[in-house]
C-alpha cells in the first residue's frame, strides 16, 4: 500500500493531533494513510479512543511517500520512538530531504535522532530540552524549517495540519483550506 502522506499511530497517541492533520489532508484530496506501528490496525489513543488504521507499517510501501507525520501524546510518542523501523525511516526521509512533521511531544523523537540541529522547532511546553540542537521557538503554533515541520500541541493541530498541507501543495492550497474550514485564530478576550 502506498500514500503521499503517512500518519503514524502507536498506542497512546493524541487523537486530535493525528486525526486533524488527516482530516485536513483528506479534504484537500491528498492520499493519506493512517499507519499502525503495531502488528494490528487497531490502535488505542491516549484517551482510550480506538482507531482502525489504514495499514500496518509492514503493509506499507514508503517509496513514493512525500511526508511522514508523527503525532504526540503519551505514551504514544514513546511508543513511536521505541519502534526502530520507524526511526530508520524518519532518518532516511530527513536525509533525503523529504518532509518529516512532528507535533506536541513527538518533536523529541527528531531531537533524539539529531535532526533538529541548527533548525527552528517547537513542541509542547516542557519538552524544550528534548529538542537537541534546535533553536526552540515557543510563540508559534507550527514551525517549518527546511524539510522539518514541528507543532506545539493539540490546540495547534489545525495550523500544524495546514502547514503540512502547505509543504505538500503550496501556501495557496493551505490558505484555501483554512478559508474552507473557516479557521481563524481567536483571542482569549473573544471568548464569551
Foldseek 3Di string as FASTA:
>chain_A
DEFQEEEEWAAAFDVLLRVLLVVLCVVVVGGYWYEYQDPAQWHAHNVGDTDGTPYYPVVYDYPNHQEYEYTDGPPTLVRCLPRVVNLVVVVVCVVVQGAYEYEALNLLSCQVNVNAAPEEEEHAPPNVVSNHNHPYDHPDQWDDTRRYIYGYHSVSSLVSSLVVVCVVPNNVSSVVSCVVVVDDDDDPVVPD
